[in-house]
Amino acid sequence: MSKIETILNDFQPISLAEMDRVKLMNRTDTKFAFSIERFHSILPNLLDFYDALEIAATRTPHYESLYFDDSQFSFFKDHHNGKTNRFKVRIRKYVESDILFLEVKHKFKGRTDKKRIPMGDFEEKFDEKQLQFLTKQLQNESALKATMWNSFQRITLVNKTLNERLTFDFNINFQHQATERKFNNLVIAELKQEDLNRNSPFYALMKSEQIRPYRLSKYCLGSIEIYGEEQLKFNRFKKKLLHLKKIENDLN
């Protein structure tokens, strides 16, 4: 049993059904990043405030995603250019549950709205129903192609009293064709709330630990790692990327 799993065993469990009260399909997200080693000291401080999601007898379930973009990488460019109205498209598999969804995440003026429909399996070509869903959500008929696979493990904590949940992604892996990039030391935390509440126990803990919020999605991180400067411009992300690389290489 890993050190993280040992610490998680002290948390009260919560089921998927019990987590319905914090679906937060329309929400604000605040992200933080730190090393696995630092996470070992952070996690016990959350014990009194959060319950841990347990799925199929595990509290560190696996996730797999297949991301899509157009041939110009418009979704990536919109994020890089700071566009306040932007989208991400992916198929996500919740491995232990063997459930898949086609998901569209719409970021608009600081809020995230997620819509999804069930999928039977990973598909790189969409059928008519899926295309109709995408056209409705994206408000156009973008010709999308699969650009990247992503896998990771996730811990989900649910606040005992507040309407918020907290996720920690680790063992993060990106792949496209023969190219693969791994982040084994990086933890990406995401605080999901109805509206930003800096009185959240986790937000307060991050402040006391002098860990500042940052903005960079796993999709953008993976796209940079997979495609590089030959295919993508990412000048605005270079400082953030350097910060994440320092964490990954134990240089922080």
Protein backbone atom coordinates (compact mmCIF):
# COMPACT_ATOMS: atom_id res chain seq x y z
CA MET A 1 0.00 0.00 0.00
CA SER A 2 1.37 3.42 -0.96
CA LYS A 3 1.81 6.25 1.53
CA ILE A 4 -1.07 8.15 -0.09
CA GLU A 5 -3.41 5.16 0.20
CA THR A 6 -2.44 4.73 3.87
CA ILE A 7 -3.32 8.37 4.62
CA LEU A 8 -6.58 8.11 2.65
CA ASN A 9 -7.71 5.18 4.78
CA ASP A 10 -8.20 7.63 7.67
CA PHE A 11 -10.82 9.59 5.70
CA GLN A 12 -14.51 8.80 5.90
CA PRO A 13 -15.64 7.23 2.59
CA ILE A 14 -18.31 8.68 0.33
CA SER A 15 -20.00 6.91 -2.59
CA LEU A 16 -20.77 8.19 -6.08
CA ALA A 17 -24.46 8.37 -5.19
CA GLU A 18 -23.72 10.42 -2.07
CA MET A 19 -21.58 12.78 -4.16
CA ASP A 20 -24.61 13.87 -6.23
CA ARG A 21 -25.01 16.95 -4.05
CA VAL A 22 -21.71 18.35 -5.39
CA LYS A 23 -21.97 17.56 -9.10
CA LEU A 24 -21.08 21.20 -9.83
CA MET A 25 -21.46 20.90 -13.59
CA ASN A 26 -21.40 24.72 -13.65
CA ARG A 27 -18.71 26.01 -11.36
CA THR A 28 -15.50 27.92 -10.71
CA ASP A 29 -12.20 26.02 -10.70
CA THR A 30 -9.00 26.96 -8.89
CA LYS A 31 -5.85 24.92 -9.59
CA PHE A 32 -2.67 24.35 -7.63
CA ALA A 33 0.44 22.24 -8.27
CA PHE A 34 2.98 20.61 -5.97
CA SER A 35 5.11 17.49 -5.65
CA ILE A 36 4.03 14.06 -4.43
CA GLU A 37 6.35 14.47 -1.44
CA ARG A 38 4.66 17.71 -0.44
CA PHE A 39 1.26 16.11 -0.97
CA HIS A 40 2.13 13.56 1.73
CA SER A 41 2.22 16.41 4.27
CA ILE A 42 -0.76 18.32 2.83
CA LEU A 43 -3.29 15.46 2.72
CA PRO A 44 -3.53 14.71 6.51
CA ASN A 45 -4.46 18.35 7.15
CA LEU A 46 -7.70 17.84 5.20
CA LEU A 47 -8.98 14.91 7.25
CA ASP A 48 -11.37 16.92 9.46
CA PHE A 49 -12.98 18.77 6.55
CA TYR A 50 -13.43 16.28 3.70
CA ASP A 51 -14.67 12.77 2.90
CA ALA A 52 -12.96 10.61 0.26
CA LEU A 53 -14.74 9.17 -2.77
CA GLU A 54 -14.47 5.39 -2.92
CA ILE A 55 -15.19 3.51 -6.16
CA ALA A 56 -14.90 -0.28 -6.53
CA ALA A 57 -12.97 -0.48 -3.24
CA THR A 58 -10.35 2.09 -4.29
CA ARG A 59 -9.85 5.74 -3.38
CA THR A 60 -7.27 6.34 -6.12
CA PRO A 61 -9.23 5.37 -9.26
CA HIS A 62 -7.83 5.55 -12.79
CA TYR A 63 -9.04 7.86 -15.54
CA GLU A 64 -8.36 7.74 -19.27
CA SER A 65 -9.12 10.53 -21.74
CA LEU A 66 -8.93 11.01 -25.50
CA TYR A 67 -8.80 14.69 -26.44
CA PHE A 68 -9.95 16.27 -29.69
CA ASP A 69 -9.13 19.50 -31.51
CA ASP A 70 -9.29 20.76 -35.06
CA SER A 71 -6.36 20.80 -37.49
CA GLN A 72 -5.42 24.35 -36.37
CA PHE A 73 -5.48 23.40 -32.66
CA SER A 74 -8.10 26.09 -32.08
CA PHE A 75 -9.03 24.91 -28.57
CA PHE A 76 -5.40 25.07 -27.49
CA LYS A 77 -4.86 28.46 -29.13
CA ASP A 78 -7.99 29.93 -27.52
CA HIS A 79 -6.66 28.93 -24.09
CA HIS A 80 -3.15 30.20 -24.86
CA ASN A 81 -4.48 33.51 -26.13
CA GLY A 82 -6.57 34.03 -23.00
CA LYS A 83 -9.92 33.85 -24.76
CA THR A 84 -12.67 33.99 -22.13
CA ASN A 85 -15.08 31.92 -24.25
CA ARG A 86 -13.39 28.60 -25.05
CA PHE A 87 -13.99 24.84 -25.24
CA LYS A 88 -12.39 21.45 -24.67
CA VAL A 89 -13.67 18.18 -26.12
CA ARG A 90 -12.76 14.73 -24.86
CA ILE A 91 -13.95 11.20 -24.29
CA ARG A 92 -13.32 10.25 -20.68
CA LYS A 93 -13.33 6.76 -19.21
CA TYR A 94 -13.80 6.11 -15.51
CA VAL A 95 -11.79 2.90 -15.54
CA GLU A 96 -12.97 1.11 -12.38
CA SER A 97 -16.62 1.91 -13.19
CA ASP A 98 -16.13 1.11 -16.91
CA ILE A 99 -18.18 4.20 -17.82
CA LEU A 100 -17.38 6.54 -20.72
CA PHE A 101 -18.71 9.99 -21.63
CA LEU A 102 -18.22 12.34 -24.53
CA GLU A 103 -17.68 15.64 -22.74
CA VAL A 104 -17.59 19.30 -23.75
CA LYS A 105 -16.19 21.76 -21.23
CA HIS A 106 -17.13 25.37 -21.90
CA LYS A 107 -15.13 28.03 -20.11
CA PHE A 108 -16.95 31.37 -20.13
CA LYS A 109 -16.02 34.43 -18.07
CA GLY A 110 -14.27 32.42 -15.38
CA ARG A 111 -16.90 29.70 -15.02
CA THR A 112 -16.80 26.12 -16.29
CA ASP A 113 -19.91 24.46 -17.71
CA LYS A 114 -19.65 20.75 -18.54
CA LYS A 115 -22.08 18.83 -20.74
CA ARG A 116 -21.74 15.13 -21.57
CA ILE A 117 -23.43 12.12 -23.14
CA PRO A 118 -22.66 8.41 -22.60
CA MET A 119 -20.28 6.56 -24.93
CA GLY A 120 -19.87 2.82 -25.44
CA ASP A 121 -16.12 2.97 -26.08
CA PHE A 122 -13.34 5.22 -27.27
CA GLU A 123 -14.01 6.27 -30.87
CA GLU A 124 -11.94 8.60 -33.04
CA LYS A 125 -14.88 9.15 -35.41
CA PHE A 126 -18.25 10.39 -34.16
CA ASP A 127 -21.66 9.07 -35.18
CA GLU A 128 -24.63 11.28 -36.07
CA LYS A 129 -25.94 11.57 -32.50
CA GLN A 130 -22.52 12.52 -31.17
CA LEU A 131 -21.99 15.05 -33.96
CA GLN A 132 -25.35 16.63 -33.16
CA PHE A 133 -24.35 16.91 -29.51
CA LEU A 134 -21.00 18.50 -30.41
CA THR A 135 -22.57 20.93 -32.89
CA LYS A 136 -25.11 22.05 -30.29
CA GLN A 137 -22.49 22.58 -27.58
CA LEU A 138 -19.79 24.11 -29.77
CA GLN A 139 -22.30 26.15 -31.80
CA ASN A 140 -20.56 25.16 -35.03
CA GLU A 141 -19.59 22.09 -37.03
CA SER A 142 -15.87 21.92 -36.28
CA ALA A 143 -14.01 19.05 -37.96
CA LEU A 144 -12.37 17.46 -34.93
CA LYS A 145 -9.60 14.88 -34.77
CA ALA A 146 -8.07 12.94 -31.89
CA THR A 147 -4.93 14.73 -30.73
CA MET A 148 -3.82 13.10 -27.49
CA TRP A 149 -4.38 10.32 -24.96
CA ASN A 150 -4.15 11.17 -21.26
CA SER A 151 -4.26 8.91 -18.21
CA PHE A 152 -3.90 9.59 -14.50
CA GLN A 153 -5.11 8.60 -11.04
CA ARG A 154 -7.43 10.88 -9.11
CA ILE A 155 -8.32 11.38 -5.49
CA THR A 156 -11.67 13.14 -4.99
CA LEU A 157 -12.49 14.74 -1.65
CA VAL A 158 -15.92 16.16 -0.82
CA ASN A 159 -16.31 18.91 1.76
CA LYS A 160 -18.38 17.77 4.75
CA THR A 161 -20.36 21.04 4.96
CA LEU A 162 -19.59 23.29 2.00
CA ASN A 163 -20.77 22.74 -1.57
CA GLU A 164 -17.34 22.01 -2.97
CA ARG A 165 -15.15 19.15 -4.01
CA LEU A 166 -11.44 18.79 -4.42
CA THR A 167 -9.47 16.59 -6.82
CA PHE A 168 -5.82 15.57 -6.90
CA ASP A 169 -4.45 14.15 -10.15
CA PHE A 170 -1.15 12.24 -10.15
CA ASN A 171 0.76 9.64 -12.20
CA ILE A 172 -0.08 11.84 -15.20
CA ASN A 173 0.73 10.45 -18.63
CA PHE A 174 0.32 11.89 -22.15
CA GLN A 175 0.62 9.97 -25.40
CA HIS A 176 0.11 10.40 -29.14
CA GLN A 177 1.30 7.74 -31.54
CA ALA A 178 4.95 6.99 -30.61
CA THR A 179 5.40 10.06 -28.38
CA GLU A 180 4.86 9.70 -24.63
CA ARG A 181 5.47 12.05 -21.70
CA LYS A 182 5.13 11.17 -18.02
CA PHE A 183 4.80 13.30 -14.89
CA ASN A 184 5.34 10.95 -11.96
CA ASN A 185 6.20 13.53 -9.29
CA LEU A 186 3.59 16.19 -10.11
CA VAL A 187 0.23 16.56 -8.35
CA ILE A 188 -2.38 18.88 -9.88
CA ALA A 189 -5.06 19.92 -7.41
CA GLU A 190 -8.35 21.47 -8.47
CA LEU A 191 -10.82 23.11 -6.11
CA LYS A 192 -14.32 23.08 -7.64
CA GLN A 193 -16.90 25.46 -6.12
CA GLU A 194 -20.20 27.14 -6.99
CA ASP A 195 -18.42 30.47 -6.57
CA LEU A 196 -14.89 31.22 -5.45
CA ASN A 197 -14.70 30.93 -1.66
CA ARG A 198 -11.28 31.71 -0.24
CA ASN A 199 -12.50 30.57 3.19
CA SER A 200 -12.43 26.99 1.94
CA PRO A 201 -10.23 24.84 4.21
CA PHE A 202 -8.11 23.81 1.23
CA TYR A 203 -7.74 27.34 -0.13
CA ALA A 204 -6.68 28.52 3.33
CA LEU A 205 -4.20 25.64 3.58
CA MET A 206 -2.66 26.53 0.22
CA LYS A 207 -2.25 30.13 1.40
CA SER A 208 -0.54 28.99 4.60
CA GLU A 209 1.74 26.71 2.54
CA GLN A 210 2.52 29.64 0.20
CA ILE A 211 1.29 27.67 -2.83
CA ARG A 212 -0.29 30.07 -5.27
CA PRO A 213 -3.09 29.23 -7.73
CA TYR A 214 -2.05 28.73 -11.33
CA ARG A 215 -3.87 28.29 -14.63
CA LEU A 216 -2.85 25.58 -17.05
CA SER A 217 -5.01 22.64 -18.07
CA LYS A 218 -3.72 19.09 -18.45
CA TYR A 219 -4.79 19.31 -22.07
CA CYS A 220 -2.54 22.31 -22.69
CA LEU A 221 0.33 20.78 -20.72
CA GLY A 222 0.08 17.54 -22.68
CA SER A 223 -0.27 19.31 -26.03
CA ILE A 224 2.93 21.27 -25.41
CA GLU A 225 4.77 18.13 -24.33
CA ILE A 226 3.56 16.08 -27.30
CA TYR A 227 3.71 18.62 -30.13
CA GLY A 228 6.34 21.14 -28.99
CA GLU A 229 7.25 24.46 -30.55
CA GLU A 230 7.44 23.00 -34.04
CA GLN A 231 3.65 22.77 -34.13
CA LEU A 232 2.38 24.97 -31.29
CA LYS A 233 3.11 28.48 -30.10
CA PHE A 234 3.06 28.60 -26.30
CA ASN A 235 5.07 31.67 -25.25
CA ARG A 236 2.49 32.68 -22.64
CA PHE A 237 2.70 29.25 -21.02
CA LYS A 238 6.48 28.96 -20.78
CA LYS A 239 6.77 30.37 -17.25
CA LYS A 240 4.03 28.03 -16.00
CA LEU A 241 5.58 25.09 -17.82
CA LEU A 242 8.97 25.81 -16.22
CA HIS A 243 7.30 25.86 -12.79
CA LEU A 244 5.69 22.46 -13.38
CA LYS A 245 8.95 21.01 -14.70
CA LYS A 246 10.75 22.20 -11.55
CA ILE A 247 8.19 20.40 -9.42
CA GLU A 248 8.49 17.25 -11.53
CA ASN A 249 12.30 17.30 -11.25
CA ASP A 250 12.32 18.08 -7.50
CA LEU A 251 13.83 21.53 -8.06
CA ASN A 252 11.27 23.54 -6.05
